[in-house]
Amino acid sequence: SKRRAGPTLYGVFGRKVGAVEDYPYSQELLEMELVWNEDTIDLLFKEGPDVVTPGSKMPVQRIKGEQDRADLISYLKRATEPQ
């Protein structure tokens, strides 16, 4: 894969974890049944990728503020929506 910082976020809402072709996911992520939506993305940034997506290469980052997470999710929905 030519990606340097993880799989594309384009179309992330409604996509199963580990589903972007040509990205070298860990076996743990490939076997997960998690689907990205508002709730799972909120949980990712509330609890951290080490908890929600073990085996991920994503740096541990948590957002404590509920409104801050809601704002991020709102932005991501707009920015990653297929045109």
N, C-alpha and C. Protein backbone atom coordinates (compact mmCIF):
# COMPACT_ATOMS: atom_id res chain seq x y z
N SER A 1 0.84 -1.19 0.00
CA SER A 1 0.00 0.00 0.00
C SER A 1 0.88 1.25 0.00
N LYS A 2 0.43 2.29 -0.67
CA LYS A 2 1.18 3.54 -0.72
C LYS A 2 0.77 4.49 0.40
N ARG A 3 -0.21 4.10 1.18
CA ARG A 3 -0.68 4.97 2.27
C ARG A 3 0.37 5.00 3.38
N ARG A 4 0.54 6.16 3.96
CA ARG A 4 1.53 6.31 5.03
C ARG A 4 0.89 6.42 6.41
N ALA A 5 -0.35 6.87 6.47
CA ALA A 5 -0.93 7.18 7.78
C ALA A 5 -2.26 6.46 7.99
N GLY A 6 -2.40 5.28 7.50
CA GLY A 6 -3.63 4.52 7.72
C GLY A 6 -4.51 4.49 6.49
N PRO A 7 -5.56 3.71 6.56
CA PRO A 7 -6.48 3.60 5.42
C PRO A 7 -7.26 4.90 5.22
N THR A 8 -7.75 5.10 4.03
CA THR A 8 -8.52 6.31 3.73
C THR A 8 -9.77 6.41 4.61
N LEU A 9 -10.11 7.62 4.96
CA LEU A 9 -11.35 7.85 5.71
C LEU A 9 -12.53 8.11 4.77
N TYR A 10 -12.27 8.24 3.49
CA TYR A 10 -13.34 8.46 2.51
C TYR A 10 -14.35 7.32 2.61
N GLY A 11 -15.60 7.64 2.89
CA GLY A 11 -16.64 6.63 3.00
C GLY A 11 -16.56 5.78 4.25
N VAL A 12 -15.94 6.30 5.30
CA VAL A 12 -15.73 5.50 6.51
C VAL A 12 -17.03 5.13 7.23
N PHE A 13 -18.02 6.00 7.20
CA PHE A 13 -19.27 5.71 7.92
C PHE A 13 -20.01 4.57 7.22
N GLY A 14 -20.29 3.52 7.98
CA GLY A 14 -20.95 2.34 7.44
C GLY A 14 -19.99 1.27 6.95
N ARG A 15 -18.70 1.54 7.04
CA ARG A 15 -17.70 0.58 6.58
C ARG A 15 -17.21 -0.29 7.73
N LYS A 16 -17.01 -1.55 7.46
CA LYS A 16 -16.48 -2.48 8.45
C LYS A 16 -14.99 -2.18 8.67
N VAL A 17 -14.55 -2.33 9.90
CA VAL A 17 -13.13 -2.19 10.21
C VAL A 17 -12.35 -3.21 9.38
N GLY A 18 -11.23 -2.79 8.83
CA GLY A 18 -10.38 -3.70 8.08
C GLY A 18 -10.84 -3.97 6.66
N ALA A 19 -11.66 -3.09 6.09
CA ALA A 19 -12.26 -3.38 4.79
C ALA A 19 -11.65 -2.63 3.60
N VAL A 20 -10.71 -1.73 3.84
CA VAL A 20 -10.10 -1.01 2.72
C VAL A 20 -9.08 -1.93 2.05
N GLU A 21 -9.28 -2.16 0.77
CA GLU A 21 -8.36 -3.04 0.04
C GLU A 21 -6.96 -2.46 0.00
N ASP A 22 -5.99 -3.33 -0.06
CA ASP A 22 -4.59 -2.95 -0.22
C ASP A 22 -4.04 -2.17 0.98
N TYR A 23 -4.61 -2.39 2.16
CA TYR A 23 -4.03 -1.80 3.37
C TYR A 23 -3.62 -2.95 4.28
N PRO A 24 -2.41 -2.91 4.84
CA PRO A 24 -1.90 -4.03 5.64
C PRO A 24 -2.42 -4.02 7.09
N TYR A 25 -3.68 -4.41 7.26
CA TYR A 25 -4.28 -4.47 8.60
C TYR A 25 -3.67 -5.62 9.40
N SER A 26 -3.69 -5.47 10.72
CA SER A 26 -3.30 -6.58 11.59
C SER A 26 -4.39 -7.65 11.52
N GLN A 27 -4.04 -8.87 11.88
CA GLN A 27 -5.01 -9.96 11.88
C GLN A 27 -6.16 -9.65 12.82
N GLU A 28 -5.86 -9.00 13.96
CA GLU A 28 -6.91 -8.63 14.91
C GLU A 28 -7.97 -7.74 14.27
N LEU A 29 -7.54 -6.75 13.50
CA LEU A 29 -8.49 -5.85 12.85
C LEU A 29 -9.26 -6.56 11.75
N LEU A 30 -8.60 -7.43 11.01
CA LEU A 30 -9.29 -8.17 9.95
C LEU A 30 -10.40 -9.05 10.50
N GLU A 31 -10.24 -9.52 11.72
CA GLU A 31 -11.22 -10.43 12.33
C GLU A 31 -12.32 -9.71 13.10
N MET A 32 -12.19 -8.40 13.28
CA MET A 32 -13.20 -7.65 14.02
C MET A 32 -14.49 -7.53 13.23
N GLU A 33 -15.60 -7.45 13.94
CA GLU A 33 -16.92 -7.27 13.33
C GLU A 33 -17.44 -5.85 13.53
N LEU A 34 -16.58 -4.94 13.87
CA LEU A 34 -16.95 -3.55 14.15
C LEU A 34 -17.22 -2.79 12.86
N VAL A 35 -18.30 -2.01 12.85
CA VAL A 35 -18.63 -1.15 11.71
C VAL A 35 -18.54 0.29 12.19
N TRP A 36 -17.90 1.13 11.40
CA TRP A 36 -17.76 2.54 11.76
C TRP A 36 -19.07 3.29 11.59
N ASN A 37 -19.51 3.92 12.67
CA ASN A 37 -20.69 4.78 12.67
C ASN A 37 -20.47 5.84 13.74
N GLU A 38 -21.45 6.67 13.99
CA GLU A 38 -21.28 7.74 14.98
C GLU A 38 -20.90 7.18 16.35
N ASP A 39 -21.54 6.10 16.76
CA ASP A 39 -21.28 5.53 18.08
C ASP A 39 -19.90 4.91 18.20
N THR A 40 -19.48 4.16 17.18
CA THR A 40 -18.18 3.50 17.27
C THR A 40 -17.03 4.50 17.14
N ILE A 41 -17.23 5.53 16.33
CA ILE A 41 -16.18 6.56 16.22
C ILE A 41 -16.11 7.37 17.52
N ASP A 42 -17.26 7.65 18.12
CA ASP A 42 -17.27 8.32 19.41
C ASP A 42 -16.51 7.48 20.44
N LEU A 43 -16.77 6.19 20.47
CA LEU A 43 -16.10 5.29 21.41
C LEU A 43 -14.60 5.25 21.15
N LEU A 44 -14.21 5.24 19.87
CA LEU A 44 -12.80 5.22 19.50
C LEU A 44 -12.05 6.39 20.13
N PHE A 45 -12.65 7.58 20.05
CA PHE A 45 -11.96 8.76 20.58
C PHE A 45 -12.21 8.98 22.06
N LYS A 46 -13.21 8.34 22.62
CA LYS A 46 -13.44 8.41 24.07
C LYS A 46 -12.50 7.44 24.80
N GLU A 47 -12.44 6.21 24.34
CA GLU A 47 -11.66 5.16 25.02
C GLU A 47 -10.25 5.00 24.46
N GLY A 48 -10.06 5.33 23.20
CA GLY A 48 -8.76 5.20 22.56
C GLY A 48 -8.68 3.97 21.67
N PRO A 49 -7.86 4.05 20.62
CA PRO A 49 -7.74 2.93 19.70
C PRO A 49 -7.13 1.68 20.33
N ASP A 50 -6.34 1.85 21.37
CA ASP A 50 -5.76 0.69 22.04
C ASP A 50 -6.84 -0.17 22.69
N VAL A 51 -7.98 0.43 23.03
CA VAL A 51 -9.10 -0.28 23.66
C VAL A 51 -10.10 -0.75 22.60
N VAL A 52 -10.46 0.13 21.68
CA VAL A 52 -11.53 -0.15 20.72
C VAL A 52 -11.04 -0.98 19.53
N THR A 53 -9.85 -0.71 19.06
CA THR A 53 -9.30 -1.42 17.90
C THR A 53 -7.91 -1.96 18.21
N PRO A 54 -7.82 -2.92 19.14
CA PRO A 54 -6.51 -3.47 19.47
C PRO A 54 -5.85 -4.06 18.21
N GLY A 55 -4.56 -3.84 18.10
CA GLY A 55 -3.85 -4.28 16.90
C GLY A 55 -3.71 -3.17 15.88
N SER A 56 -4.33 -2.02 16.16
CA SER A 56 -4.27 -0.87 15.27
C SER A 56 -2.92 -0.17 15.41
N LYS A 57 -2.50 0.46 14.33
CA LYS A 57 -1.28 1.28 14.36
C LYS A 57 -1.59 2.73 14.71
N MET A 58 -2.88 3.03 14.89
CA MET A 58 -3.30 4.41 15.20
C MET A 58 -2.72 4.85 16.54
N PRO A 59 -2.10 6.02 16.59
CA PRO A 59 -1.58 6.51 17.86
C PRO A 59 -2.71 6.67 18.88
N VAL A 60 -2.39 6.41 20.13
CA VAL A 60 -3.39 6.55 21.19
C VAL A 60 -3.71 8.03 21.35
N GLN A 61 -4.96 8.33 21.17
CA GLN A 61 -5.44 9.70 21.35
C GLN A 61 -6.87 9.62 21.85
N ARG A 62 -7.13 10.37 22.89
CA ARG A 62 -8.46 10.39 23.47
C ARG A 62 -8.96 11.83 23.51
N ILE A 63 -10.26 11.98 23.31
CA ILE A 63 -10.88 13.30 23.40
C ILE A 63 -11.89 13.22 24.53
N LYS A 64 -11.61 13.93 25.61
CA LYS A 64 -12.45 13.83 26.81
C LYS A 64 -13.81 14.49 26.65
N GLY A 65 -13.85 15.62 26.00
CA GLY A 65 -15.09 16.39 25.91
C GLY A 65 -16.11 15.77 24.97
N GLU A 66 -17.31 15.53 25.49
CA GLU A 66 -18.38 14.94 24.68
C GLU A 66 -18.72 15.82 23.47
N GLN A 67 -18.80 17.13 23.68
CA GLN A 67 -19.11 18.04 22.56
C GLN A 67 -17.96 18.08 21.56
N ASP A 68 -16.73 18.00 22.04
CA ASP A 68 -15.59 17.97 21.13
C ASP A 68 -15.65 16.75 20.22
N ARG A 69 -16.00 15.59 20.79
CA ARG A 69 -16.14 14.38 19.99
C ARG A 69 -17.30 14.51 19.01
N ALA A 70 -18.40 15.08 19.46
CA ALA A 70 -19.56 15.28 18.57
C ALA A 70 -19.20 16.19 17.40
N ASP A 71 -18.43 17.24 17.68
CA ASP A 71 -18.00 18.16 16.62
C ASP A 71 -17.09 17.44 15.63
N LEU A 72 -16.17 16.62 16.14
CA LEU A 72 -15.28 15.86 15.27
C LEU A 72 -16.07 14.91 14.37
N ILE A 73 -17.03 14.21 14.94
CA ILE A 73 -17.85 13.27 14.18
C ILE A 73 -18.66 14.00 13.11
N SER A 74 -19.21 15.14 13.46
CA SER A 74 -19.96 15.95 12.50
C SER A 74 -19.06 16.36 11.33
N TYR A 75 -17.86 16.79 11.65
CA TYR A 75 -16.91 17.17 10.62
C TYR A 75 -16.55 15.96 9.74
N LEU A 76 -16.23 14.84 10.38
CA LEU A 76 -15.85 13.64 9.63
C LEU A 76 -16.97 13.18 8.69
N LYS A 77 -18.21 13.28 9.16
CA LYS A 77 -19.33 12.87 8.30
C LYS A 77 -19.37 13.72 7.03
N ARG A 78 -19.16 15.01 7.18
CA ARG A 78 -19.18 15.91 6.01
C ARG A 78 -17.95 15.69 5.12
N ALA A 79 -16.79 15.57 5.75
CA ALA A 79 -15.54 15.52 5.00
C ALA A 79 -15.29 14.18 4.31
N THR A 80 -15.90 13.12 4.79
CA THR A 80 -15.61 11.79 4.25
C THR A 80 -16.76 11.20 3.45
N GLU A 81 -17.84 11.96 3.31
CA GLU A 81 -19.01 11.46 2.60
C GLU A 81 -18.73 11.33 1.11
N PRO A 82 -19.01 10.16 0.54
CA PRO A 82 -18.82 10.01 -0.91
C PRO A 82 -19.68 11.02 -1.66
N GLN A 83 -19.11 11.61 -2.67
CA GLN A 83 -19.80 12.63 -3.46
C GLN A 83 -20.58 12.00 -4.59
